[in-house]
């Protein structure tokens, strides 16, 4: 069924193209379904996709996997059922499925374990880069692994040791979560050593490649420029600075404990400009950021 597909123009970044001279044109049986002889590579693939997307196990399986990646580690059966129905009704249209996941009424609940998930390490770092207006130094456009993400985050883009991702979707850490029958897949690759390494990288990014960004211009490094937050600090506008950090990093849901800590850091500096990286660091390592609700 999958024979005959080849790299386009020797370029692995382009979609593969079919070469029917390399395709098995004989009849085939796949999971009990007949594939007649003489079909092209495209026809066999189209038939297989139509077959697999209508299999009774596929809609709930893909729905659960996507929900766990996007919104919650412990979706209710009703949530999975609604998303599965969209998968079936749309013929496996992933755009429609993801829209159903992100707009489901389940997500309107507050303080509910069924709409909570841990933020995986590499996505925590990329969130920091996006929120802090990251840019490549010098005239470069590619960053060459500047801070050992593989070692510090236990993750790297396209670097999973398995086709089944960096962690098992059914992982349930020993203790209260396992006792309650709940999963927290991302915690399979998060331990105290990893947390320390990741937090060190957060701080180095915010300080060395953020506030001190003017001291170097390396085209192999990513720098950040939270200029608007620094301007609020220079203006000594504590309320707006904390609110801006809350909205940009904590989804406007900072706990009172974190808000108080940010205020303490702010008041601990005579020159408020130097409080910014430490306030940001506290926000990024807080449970309010690392646990998505």
Protein backbone atom coordinates (compact mmCIF):
# COMPACT_ATOMS: atom_id res chain seq x y z
CA UNK A 1 0.00 0.00 0.00
CA UNK A 2 2.78 2.43 0.89
CA UNK A 3 5.20 1.52 -1.88
CA UNK A 4 6.15 3.89 -4.69
CA UNK A 5 6.65 7.08 -2.70
CA UNK A 6 9.98 8.85 -3.07
CA UNK A 7 11.76 12.04 -2.03
CA UNK A 8 11.02 14.99 -4.31
CA UNK A 9 14.09 16.46 -6.05
CA UNK A 10 16.26 14.93 -3.33
CA UNK A 11 14.76 17.48 -0.92
CA UNK A 12 13.46 16.08 2.36
CA UNK A 13 11.60 19.33 3.08
CA UNK A 14 9.20 18.89 0.15
CA UNK A 15 6.21 16.50 0.11
CA UNK A 16 7.02 13.05 -1.26
CA UNK A 17 5.82 12.20 -4.76
CA UNK A 18 4.56 8.92 -6.17
CA UNK A 19 6.55 6.88 -8.68
CA UNK A 20 4.23 4.14 -9.90
CA UNK A 21 7.13 2.25 -11.45
CA UNK A 22 8.15 1.51 -7.86
CA UNK A 23 4.63 0.80 -6.62
CA UNK A 24 3.24 -2.69 -6.00
CA UNK A 25 0.29 -2.86 -8.40
CA UNK A 26 -0.88 -6.31 -7.29
CA UNK A 27 -4.07 -6.89 -5.33
CA UNK A 28 -3.80 -6.48 -1.55
CA UNK A 29 -5.73 -7.19 1.62
CA UNK A 30 -5.35 -4.74 4.54
CA UNK A 31 -7.22 -5.31 7.80
CA UNK A 32 -9.82 -7.34 5.94
CA UNK A 33 -10.38 -4.83 3.12
CA UNK A 34 -9.69 -5.67 -0.52
CA UNK A 35 -7.44 -3.45 -2.65
CA UNK A 36 -7.92 -4.29 -6.35
CA UNK A 37 -4.93 -4.74 -8.68
CA UNK A 38 -3.79 -1.90 -10.90
CA UNK A 39 -4.36 0.93 -8.43
CA UNK A 40 -1.78 3.70 -8.39
CA UNK A 41 0.21 4.66 -5.31
CA UNK A 42 -2.13 7.62 -4.74
CA UNK A 43 -5.25 5.45 -5.09
CA UNK A 44 -3.96 2.84 -2.65
CA UNK A 45 -3.02 5.52 -0.15
CA UNK A 46 -6.40 7.28 -0.48
CA UNK A 47 -8.21 3.99 0.08
CA UNK A 48 -6.11 3.20 3.13
CA UNK A 49 -6.69 6.64 4.69
CA UNK A 50 -10.44 6.30 4.11
CA UNK A 51 -10.33 2.83 5.64
CA UNK A 52 -8.29 3.69 8.70
CA UNK A 53 -10.16 6.91 9.55
CA UNK A 54 -13.46 5.01 9.69
CA UNK A 55 -12.10 2.25 11.94
CA UNK A 56 -14.00 2.26 15.24
CA UNK A 57 -10.83 2.59 17.35
CA UNK A 58 -9.20 5.44 15.47
CA UNK A 59 -11.47 8.41 16.25
CA UNK A 60 -11.34 8.04 20.06
CA UNK A 61 -7.63 7.16 20.02
CA UNK A 62 -6.57 10.20 17.98
CA UNK A 63 -9.00 12.40 19.91
CA UNK A 64 -7.52 11.40 23.27
CA UNK A 65 -3.95 11.86 22.03
CA UNK A 66 -4.66 15.34 20.67
CA UNK A 67 -6.62 16.41 23.75
CA UNK A 68 -3.76 15.32 26.01
CA UNK A 69 -1.30 17.35 23.94
CA UNK A 70 -3.45 20.46 23.67
CA UNK A 71 -5.72 20.93 26.67
CA UNK A 72 -5.87 18.37 29.48
CA UNK A 73 -4.18 15.19 30.67
CA UNK A 74 -7.43 13.75 32.02
CA UNK A 75 -10.34 14.44 29.66
CA UNK A 76 -13.80 13.24 30.58
CA UNK A 77 -15.47 10.56 28.48
CA UNK A 78 -18.03 13.12 27.32
CA UNK A 79 -15.26 15.44 26.06
CA UNK A 80 -13.57 12.61 24.16
CA UNK A 81 -16.92 11.50 22.75
CA UNK A 82 -17.72 14.96 21.37
CA UNK A 83 -14.30 15.29 19.74
CA UNK A 84 -14.52 11.75 18.34
CA UNK A 85 -17.89 12.58 16.81
CA UNK A 86 -16.32 15.57 15.05
CA UNK A 87 -13.52 13.34 13.75
CA UNK A 88 -16.06 10.91 12.29
CA UNK A 89 -18.42 13.56 10.92
CA UNK A 90 -15.61 15.51 9.25
CA UNK A 91 -14.00 12.44 7.72
CA UNK A 92 -10.89 12.86 9.85
CA UNK A 93 -10.38 16.55 9.11
CA UNK A 94 -7.77 17.46 11.73
CA UNK A 95 -8.48 21.18 11.45
CA UNK A 96 -12.09 20.56 12.47
CA UNK A 97 -11.01 18.16 15.21
CA UNK A 98 -8.57 20.63 16.76
CA UNK A 99 -11.19 23.38 16.61
CA UNK A 100 -13.58 21.05 18.45
CA UNK A 101 -10.92 20.37 21.09
CA UNK A 102 -10.11 24.03 21.69
CA UNK A 103 -13.70 25.28 21.72
CA UNK A 104 -15.35 22.51 23.75
CA UNK A 105 -17.53 23.54 26.69
CA UNK A 106 -15.35 21.39 28.96
CA UNK A 107 -12.69 24.09 28.89
CA UNK A 108 -15.00 26.63 30.51
CA UNK A 109 -14.74 24.81 33.83
CA UNK A 110 -12.56 26.37 36.51
CA UNK A 111 -10.41 24.67 39.17
CA UNK A 112 -11.20 21.29 37.64
CA UNK A 113 -8.60 18.51 37.35
CA UNK A 114 -10.18 17.46 34.06
CA UNK A 115 -9.01 20.67 32.37
CA UNK A 116 -5.43 20.72 33.67
CA UNK A 117 -2.11 19.63 32.23
CA UNK A 118 1.60 20.11 32.90
CA UNK A 119 3.44 22.22 30.34
CA UNK A 120 6.15 20.07 28.75
CA UNK A 121 9.69 21.47 29.07
CA UNK A 122 10.47 22.38 25.47
CA UNK A 123 7.11 24.16 25.11
CA UNK A 124 7.84 26.11 28.28
CA UNK A 125 11.06 27.34 26.66
CA UNK A 126 9.47 28.17 23.32
CA UNK A 127 6.71 30.04 25.17
CA UNK A 128 9.39 32.13 26.86
CA UNK A 129 10.96 32.91 23.49
CA UNK A 130 7.64 33.95 21.95
CA UNK A 131 6.52 36.01 24.94
CA UNK A 132 9.86 37.80 25.18
CA UNK A 133 10.23 38.72 21.48
CA UNK A 134 13.22 36.42 20.84
CA UNK A 135 15.56 37.17 17.95
CA UNK A 136 18.79 35.72 16.58
CA UNK A 137 21.90 37.78 17.21
CA UNK A 138 24.06 39.25 14.47
CA UNK A 139 22.96 38.43 10.95
CA UNK A 140 22.17 34.80 11.65
CA UNK A 141 18.87 33.05 11.07
CA UNK A 142 19.60 29.64 12.65
CA UNK A 143 20.53 28.92 16.25
CA UNK A 144 22.82 25.93 16.74
CA UNK A 145 21.68 24.31 19.98
CA UNK A 146 22.99 27.17 22.14
CA UNK A 147 22.10 25.82 25.56
CA UNK A 148 22.04 22.02 25.32
CA UNK A 149 18.26 21.65 25.18
CA UNK A 150 18.49 17.87 24.82
CA UNK A 151 20.32 17.52 28.13
CA UNK A 152 18.48 20.24 30.05
CA UNK A 153 14.95 19.68 28.79
CA UNK A 154 14.99 15.96 27.95
CA UNK A 155 13.51 17.11 24.65
CA UNK A 156 14.62 18.50 21.34
CA UNK A 157 12.61 19.31 18.18
CA UNK A 158 12.29 16.09 16.18
CA UNK A 159 14.61 14.46 18.74
CA UNK A 160 12.37 11.86 20.36
CA UNK A 161 13.97 8.45 20.79
CA UNK A 162 10.66 6.88 19.78
CA UNK A 163 7.94 7.54 17.23
CA UNK A 164 5.59 7.53 20.23
CA UNK A 165 6.89 10.88 21.54
CA UNK A 166 9.15 11.71 24.48
CA UNK A 167 6.81 10.24 27.10
CA UNK A 168 3.93 7.81 27.40
CA UNK A 169 0.44 9.36 27.27
CA UNK A 170 -0.68 6.99 30.02
CA UNK A 171 2.10 7.90 32.48
CA UNK A 172 0.78 8.27 36.02
CA UNK A 173 3.37 9.32 38.63
CA UNK A 174 3.38 7.40 41.89
CA UNK A 175 1.59 9.15 44.70
CA UNK A 176 -1.57 11.22 44.78
CA UNK A 177 -2.09 11.26 41.01
CA UNK A 178 -1.72 7.50 40.60
CA UNK A 179 -3.88 6.90 43.67
CA UNK A 180 -6.62 9.03 42.08
CA UNK A 181 -6.29 7.23 38.73
CA UNK A 182 -5.03 10.35 36.98
CA UNK A 183 -2.30 10.75 34.38
CA UNK A 184 0.39 13.42 34.00
CA UNK A 185 2.33 12.28 30.92
CA UNK A 186 4.81 15.18 30.85
CA UNK A 187 6.07 14.34 34.35
CA UNK A 188 7.70 11.21 32.96
CA UNK A 189 10.56 13.39 31.68
CA UNK A 190 10.55 15.96 34.50
CA UNK A 191 12.57 15.34 37.66
CA UNK A 192 14.47 17.54 40.12
CA UNK A 193 17.68 17.50 38.07
CA UNK A 194 15.78 18.47 34.94
CA UNK A 195 13.94 21.25 36.78
CA UNK A 196 17.19 22.74 38.06
CA UNK A 197 18.79 22.63 34.61
CA UNK A 198 15.70 24.11 32.95
CA UNK A 199 15.38 26.88 35.53
CA UNK A 200 19.06 27.75 35.08
CA UNK A 201 18.48 28.14 31.35
CA UNK A 202 15.43 30.31 32.00
CA UNK A 203 17.48 32.61 34.21
CA UNK A 204 20.44 32.72 31.83
CA UNK A 205 18.13 33.61 28.97
CA UNK A 206 16.35 36.35 30.90
CA UNK A 207 19.56 37.83 32.32
CA UNK A 208 22.49 37.20 29.94
CA UNK A 209 20.52 37.18 26.68
CA UNK A 210 17.83 39.56 27.87
CA UNK A 211 18.79 42.41 30.15
CA UNK A 212 22.47 42.13 29.15
CA UNK A 213 21.68 41.63 25.46
CA UNK A 214 23.64 44.73 24.50
CA UNK A 215 26.90 43.19 25.71
CA UNK A 216 27.15 40.67 22.86
CA UNK A 217 25.74 39.96 19.40
CA UNK A 218 26.39 36.29 18.65
CA UNK A 219 24.63 35.00 15.54
CA UNK A 220 24.38 31.55 17.12
CA UNK A 221 22.41 32.74 20.15
CA UNK A 222 18.80 33.69 20.74
CA UNK A 223 18.30 36.99 22.53
CA UNK A 224 15.13 38.41 24.07
CA UNK A 225 13.90 41.99 24.23
CA UNK A 226 11.04 42.60 26.71
CA UNK A 227 11.42 46.34 26.13
CA UNK A 228 7.86 47.26 27.10
CA UNK A 229 8.24 45.59 30.50
CA UNK A 230 11.58 47.31 31.03
CA UNK A 231 9.95 50.65 30.19
CA UNK A 232 7.26 50.05 32.83
CA UNK A 233 9.98 49.28 35.36
CA UNK A 234 11.90 52.45 34.50
CA UNK A 235 8.67 54.41 34.95
CA UNK A 236 8.28 52.70 38.35
CA UNK A 237 4.77 51.58 37.46
CA UNK A 238 4.51 48.50 39.67
CA UNK A 239 0.83 47.76 39.11
CA UNK A 240 1.01 47.82 35.32
CA UNK A 241 4.28 45.86 35.28
CA UNK A 242 2.88 43.03 37.39
CA UNK A 243 -0.35 43.02 35.39
CA UNK A 244 1.59 42.88 32.11
CA UNK A 245 3.62 39.90 33.36
CA UNK A 246 0.42 38.25 34.58
CA UNK A 247 -1.35 38.65 31.24
CA UNK A 248 1.59 37.70 29.04
CA UNK A 249 2.94 34.73 30.99
CA UNK A 250 0.26 33.54 33.40
CA UNK A 251 -2.84 33.95 31.24
CA UNK A 252 -4.16 36.60 33.59
CA UNK A 253 -4.61 34.00 36.34
CA UNK A 254 -1.71 34.69 38.71
CA UNK A 255 -2.34 33.48 42.23
CA UNK A 256 -2.12 35.93 45.09
CA UNK A 257 1.04 34.16 46.26
CA UNK A 258 2.82 34.76 42.96
CA UNK A 259 1.53 38.34 42.76
CA UNK A 260 2.95 39.02 46.22
CA UNK A 261 6.30 37.46 45.28
CA UNK A 262 6.54 39.64 42.17
CA UNK A 263 5.82 42.70 44.29
CA UNK A 264 8.48 41.70 46.83
CA UNK A 265 11.08 41.32 44.08
CA UNK A 266 10.08 44.68 42.62
CA UNK A 267 10.48 46.48 45.95
CA UNK A 268 13.79 44.74 46.61
CA UNK A 269 15.50 46.81 43.91
CA UNK A 270 16.31 50.49 44.09
CA UNK A 271 16.60 50.61 40.31
CA UNK A 272 13.42 48.83 39.22
CA UNK A 273 14.90 48.04 35.79
CA UNK A 274 17.04 45.34 37.40
CA UNK A 275 13.99 43.71 38.96
CA UNK A 276 12.54 42.75 35.57
CA UNK A 277 14.54 39.54 34.81
CA UNK A 278 14.02 38.27 38.36
CA UNK A 279 10.29 38.98 38.23
CA UNK A 280 10.05 37.22 34.88
CA UNK A 281 12.08 34.30 36.19
CA UNK A 282 9.74 33.90 39.15
CA UNK A 283 6.73 33.92 36.80
CA UNK A 284 8.23 31.34 34.42
CA UNK A 285 9.20 28.84 37.16
CA UNK A 286 5.93 29.19 39.05
CA UNK A 287 3.22 26.50 39.15
CA UNK A 288 0.91 29.14 37.69
CA UNK A 289 2.93 28.89 34.46
CA UNK A 290 4.07 25.26 34.45
CA UNK A 291 0.57 23.88 35.13
CA UNK A 292 -1.92 24.89 32.44
CA UNK A 293 -5.54 25.37 33.40
